[in-house]
Structure formats: C-alpha cells, structure tokens
Amino acid sequence: MSKISELDSEIIDRVIEMAWEDRTPFAAIELQYGLSEKEVIALMRREMKSSSFKMWRKRVSGRKTKHLRQRNFLVGRFKSANQN
C-alpha cells in the first residue's frame, strides 16, 4: 500500500470522489492514479469514518457499474444531443 502514502491530499480527495461515483469503474481509478481496487478500498477505509466506509462498501459491492467486466453497456456516460 505504499502508493497510498505517496498521494497528496488533493489526489486523495479526487480518488474518494471517483470511488463514490456510481458510474466510475475501479479500472478508471487504476488507469488514472495507479491504484488497484484493493488499494482504493484500503484508502477509503483509512480516510472515511467507519460508518461511511461501511455504507460505501455495501453500496459498491457487486455493483456492475464499478467493474468494467460486469457492465452490460459499452459507454459509461450519457451525453445529451445538446452537448458539444
């Protein structure tokens, strides 16, 4: 878990934000910050209150959108026709 100790507070905040987002897969966090799913879980456990961590784990456990292999859709985000 040495990667976690090397992160600054701004990056930690962004990783936590991405982990909370339903449609951001763990693979995207790994690609952007080099943290595996286990490392993200360890980071969340360390940075969050126990009750918040438990609530987050319950929410993301088995969630298809957090694991690319389990997704049943190809594109992760909806883009309105009105957007550029």
N, C-alpha and C. Protein backbone atom coordinates (compact mmCIF):
# COMPACT_ATOMS: atom_id res chain seq x y z
N MET A 1 0.82 -1.20 0.00
CA MET A 1 0.00 0.00 0.00
C MET A 1 0.86 1.27 0.00
N SER A 2 2.08 1.16 -0.43
CA SER A 2 2.97 2.30 -0.41
C SER A 2 2.51 3.41 -1.35
N LYS A 3 1.78 3.06 -2.40
CA LYS A 3 1.28 4.07 -3.32
C LYS A 3 0.37 5.05 -2.60
N ILE A 4 -0.43 4.56 -1.67
CA ILE A 4 -1.38 5.40 -0.94
C ILE A 4 -0.64 6.47 -0.14
N SER A 5 0.44 6.11 0.53
CA SER A 5 1.16 7.06 1.36
C SER A 5 1.85 8.15 0.54
N GLU A 6 2.04 7.90 -0.76
CA GLU A 6 2.68 8.88 -1.63
C GLU A 6 1.71 9.90 -2.21
N LEU A 7 0.42 9.71 -2.02
CA LEU A 7 -0.58 10.60 -2.61
C LEU A 7 -0.76 11.86 -1.78
N ASP A 8 -0.92 13.00 -2.46
CA ASP A 8 -1.20 14.22 -1.71
C ASP A 8 -2.70 14.33 -1.45
N SER A 9 -3.08 15.26 -0.61
CA SER A 9 -4.48 15.36 -0.17
C SER A 9 -5.43 15.67 -1.32
N GLU A 10 -4.99 16.42 -2.30
CA GLU A 10 -5.84 16.75 -3.44
C GLU A 10 -6.18 15.48 -4.25
N ILE A 11 -5.19 14.65 -4.47
CA ILE A 11 -5.41 13.40 -5.21
C ILE A 11 -6.27 12.44 -4.40
N ILE A 12 -6.01 12.36 -3.10
CA ILE A 12 -6.83 11.51 -2.24
C ILE A 12 -8.29 11.92 -2.32
N ASP A 13 -8.55 13.23 -2.26
CA ASP A 13 -9.92 13.73 -2.37
C ASP A 13 -10.55 13.34 -3.70
N ARG A 14 -9.78 13.42 -4.78
CA ARG A 14 -10.31 13.08 -6.11
C ARG A 14 -10.58 11.58 -6.22
N VAL A 15 -9.70 10.76 -5.67
CA VAL A 15 -9.91 9.31 -5.71
C VAL A 15 -11.18 8.95 -4.92
N ILE A 16 -11.36 9.57 -3.76
CA ILE A 16 -12.57 9.32 -2.96
C ILE A 16 -13.81 9.74 -3.73
N GLU A 17 -13.75 10.89 -4.37
CA GLU A 17 -14.88 11.36 -5.18
C GLU A 17 -15.20 10.38 -6.30
N MET A 18 -14.17 9.90 -6.99
CA MET A 18 -14.38 8.94 -8.08
C MET A 18 -14.94 7.62 -7.55
N ALA A 19 -14.46 7.19 -6.39
CA ALA A 19 -14.94 5.94 -5.81
C ALA A 19 -16.40 6.03 -5.41
N TRP A 20 -16.85 7.21 -5.00
CA TRP A 20 -18.26 7.39 -4.62
C TRP A 20 -19.18 7.43 -5.84
N GLU A 21 -18.64 7.87 -6.98
CA GLU A 21 -19.47 7.98 -8.18
C GLU A 21 -19.86 6.59 -8.66
N ASP A 22 -21.13 6.40 -8.92
CA ASP A 22 -21.63 5.08 -9.32
C ASP A 22 -21.08 4.61 -10.66
N ARG A 23 -20.89 5.51 -11.59
CA ARG A 23 -20.50 5.10 -12.94
C ARG A 23 -19.00 5.12 -13.19
N THR A 24 -18.21 5.46 -12.19
CA THR A 24 -16.76 5.45 -12.37
C THR A 24 -16.23 4.09 -11.95
N PRO A 25 -15.75 3.29 -12.89
CA PRO A 25 -15.26 1.96 -12.54
C PRO A 25 -13.90 2.04 -11.84
N PHE A 26 -13.60 1.01 -11.06
CA PHE A 26 -12.31 0.94 -10.39
C PHE A 26 -11.18 0.97 -11.41
N ALA A 27 -11.41 0.43 -12.59
CA ALA A 27 -10.38 0.42 -13.64
C ALA A 27 -10.00 1.84 -14.06
N ALA A 28 -10.94 2.77 -14.04
CA ALA A 28 -10.64 4.16 -14.39
C ALA A 28 -9.76 4.80 -13.33
N ILE A 29 -10.00 4.46 -12.07
CA ILE A 29 -9.16 4.98 -10.99
C ILE A 29 -7.75 4.40 -11.11
N GLU A 30 -7.69 3.11 -11.45
CA GLU A 30 -6.38 2.47 -11.61
C GLU A 30 -5.61 3.07 -12.78
N LEU A 31 -6.29 3.31 -13.88
CA LEU A 31 -5.66 3.90 -15.05
C LEU A 31 -5.13 5.29 -14.76
N GLN A 32 -5.93 6.09 -14.05
CA GLN A 32 -5.56 7.48 -13.81
C GLN A 32 -4.56 7.64 -12.67
N TYR A 33 -4.71 6.85 -11.60
CA TYR A 33 -3.88 7.05 -10.40
C TYR A 33 -3.02 5.84 -10.03
N GLY A 34 -3.16 4.73 -10.74
CA GLY A 34 -2.33 3.57 -10.47
C GLY A 34 -2.71 2.80 -9.22
N LEU A 35 -3.94 2.99 -8.73
CA LEU A 35 -4.40 2.30 -7.52
C LEU A 35 -5.34 1.16 -7.90
N SER A 36 -5.04 -0.04 -7.44
CA SER A 36 -5.92 -1.18 -7.70
C SER A 36 -7.20 -1.04 -6.87
N GLU A 37 -8.16 -1.90 -7.16
CA GLU A 37 -9.41 -1.89 -6.39
C GLU A 37 -9.13 -2.09 -4.91
N LYS A 38 -8.24 -3.01 -4.57
CA LYS A 38 -7.90 -3.27 -3.16
C LYS A 38 -7.28 -2.04 -2.51
N GLU A 39 -6.45 -1.33 -3.26
CA GLU A 39 -5.83 -0.12 -2.73
C GLU A 39 -6.84 1.00 -2.53
N VAL A 40 -7.80 1.11 -3.45
CA VAL A 40 -8.87 2.10 -3.30
C VAL A 40 -9.69 1.78 -2.05
N ILE A 41 -10.01 0.52 -1.85
CA ILE A 41 -10.77 0.11 -0.66
C ILE A 41 -9.98 0.45 0.60
N ALA A 42 -8.68 0.17 0.60
CA ALA A 42 -7.84 0.49 1.76
C ALA A 42 -7.80 2.00 2.01
N LEU A 43 -7.71 2.78 0.93
CA LEU A 43 -7.71 4.23 1.05
C LEU A 43 -9.04 4.73 1.63
N MET A 44 -10.12 4.20 1.11
CA MET A 44 -11.44 4.60 1.61
C MET A 44 -11.59 4.24 3.10
N ARG A 45 -11.13 3.06 3.46
CA ARG A 45 -11.20 2.62 4.87
C ARG A 45 -10.40 3.58 5.76
N ARG A 46 -9.23 3.98 5.28
CA ARG A 46 -8.35 4.85 6.07
C ARG A 46 -8.89 6.27 6.20
N GLU A 47 -9.48 6.78 5.11
CA GLU A 47 -9.87 8.20 5.06
C GLU A 47 -11.29 8.49 5.55
N MET A 48 -12.13 7.48 5.61
CA MET A 48 -13.54 7.71 5.94
C MET A 48 -13.86 7.26 7.36
N LYS A 49 -14.93 7.83 7.90
CA LYS A 49 -15.44 7.32 9.17
C LYS A 49 -15.91 5.89 8.93
N SER A 50 -15.87 5.10 9.97
CA SER A 50 -16.23 3.68 9.86
C SER A 50 -17.63 3.49 9.28
N SER A 51 -18.58 4.27 9.76
CA SER A 51 -19.97 4.12 9.28
C SER A 51 -20.09 4.50 7.81
N SER A 52 -19.38 5.54 7.39
CA SER A 52 -19.40 5.96 5.98
C SER A 52 -18.76 4.91 5.10
N PHE A 53 -17.65 4.34 5.57
CA PHE A 53 -16.98 3.29 4.80
C PHE A 53 -17.90 2.09 4.63
N LYS A 54 -18.54 1.66 5.70
CA LYS A 54 -19.45 0.51 5.62
C LYS A 54 -20.59 0.77 4.66
N MET A 55 -21.12 1.98 4.69
CA MET A 55 -22.22 2.33 3.78
C MET A 55 -21.73 2.29 2.33
N TRP A 56 -20.53 2.83 2.08
CA TRP A 56 -19.97 2.83 0.74
C TRP A 56 -19.70 1.41 0.25
N ARG A 57 -19.10 0.56 1.09
CA ARG A 57 -18.81 -0.82 0.71
C ARG A 57 -20.08 -1.58 0.38
N LYS A 58 -21.11 -1.37 1.18
CA LYS A 58 -22.38 -2.05 0.93
C LYS A 58 -22.94 -1.61 -0.43
N ARG A 59 -22.79 -0.33 -0.74
CA ARG A 59 -23.33 0.22 -1.98
C ARG A 59 -22.56 -0.28 -3.20
N VAL A 60 -21.24 -0.36 -3.13
CA VAL A 60 -20.47 -0.70 -4.33
C VAL A 60 -20.20 -2.19 -4.48
N SER A 61 -20.41 -2.96 -3.44
CA SER A 61 -20.15 -4.40 -3.54
C SER A 61 -21.05 -5.03 -4.58
N GLY A 62 -20.43 -5.58 -5.59
CA GLY A 62 -21.19 -6.24 -6.64
C GLY A 62 -21.86 -5.31 -7.64
N ARG A 63 -21.66 -4.02 -7.48
CA ARG A 63 -22.28 -3.05 -8.41
C ARG A 63 -21.63 -3.19 -9.78
N LYS A 64 -22.42 -3.48 -10.77
CA LYS A 64 -21.90 -3.73 -12.11
C LYS A 64 -21.18 -2.52 -12.70
N THR A 65 -21.63 -1.32 -12.39
CA THR A 65 -21.01 -0.14 -12.98
C THR A 65 -19.63 0.15 -12.42
N LYS A 66 -19.27 -0.46 -11.29
CA LYS A 66 -17.95 -0.23 -10.72
C LYS A 66 -16.92 -1.23 -11.26
N HIS A 67 -17.37 -2.23 -12.01
CA HIS A 67 -16.48 -3.25 -12.55
C HIS A 67 -16.72 -3.37 -14.05
N LEU A 68 -15.74 -3.01 -14.84
CA LEU A 68 -15.90 -2.97 -16.30
C LEU A 68 -16.36 -4.30 -16.87
N ARG A 69 -15.84 -5.41 -16.35
CA ARG A 69 -16.20 -6.72 -16.90
C ARG A 69 -17.67 -7.06 -16.67
N GLN A 70 -18.29 -6.45 -15.68
CA GLN A 70 -19.69 -6.78 -15.36
C GLN A 70 -20.68 -5.83 -16.02
N ARG A 71 -20.18 -4.78 -16.65
CA ARG A 71 -21.09 -3.81 -17.28
C ARG A 71 -21.81 -4.45 -18.46
N ASN A 72 -23.06 -4.07 -18.62
CA ASN A 72 -23.81 -4.57 -19.76
C ASN A 72 -24.03 -3.47 -20.80
N PHE A 73 -23.25 -2.40 -20.70
CA PHE A 73 -23.31 -1.33 -21.68
C PHE A 73 -21.88 -0.92 -22.03
N LEU A 74 -21.71 -0.36 -23.20
CA LEU A 74 -20.36 -0.03 -23.67
C LEU A 74 -19.90 1.35 -23.24
N VAL A 75 -20.78 2.31 -23.31
CA VAL A 75 -20.42 3.68 -22.98
C VAL A 75 -20.83 3.96 -21.55
N GLY A 76 -19.94 4.52 -20.78
CA GLY A 76 -20.19 4.73 -19.36
C GLY A 76 -20.96 5.98 -19.02
N ARG A 77 -21.06 6.91 -19.95
CA ARG A 77 -21.76 8.16 -19.64
C ARG A 77 -22.80 8.46 -20.70
N PHE A 78 -23.90 9.06 -20.26
CA PHE A 78 -24.92 9.53 -21.18
C PHE A 78 -24.49 10.92 -21.63
N LYS A 79 -24.59 11.18 -22.91
CA LYS A 79 -24.29 12.50 -23.43
C LYS A 79 -25.48 12.99 -24.22
N SER A 80 -26.04 14.08 -23.76
CA SER A 80 -27.19 14.66 -24.42
C SER A 80 -26.81 15.15 -25.80
N ALA A 81 -27.78 15.12 -26.71
CA ALA A 81 -27.55 15.63 -28.06
C ALA A 81 -27.30 17.13 -28.04
N ASN A 82 -27.69 17.80 -26.94
CA ASN A 82 -27.50 19.24 -26.82
C ASN A 82 -26.09 19.62 -26.37
N GLN A 83 -25.31 18.64 -25.94
CA GLN A 83 -23.95 18.93 -25.50
C GLN A 83 -22.99 18.95 -26.67
N ASN A 84 -21.95 19.74 -26.54
CA ASN A 84 -20.90 19.79 -27.58
C ASN A 84 -19.98 18.64 -27.46
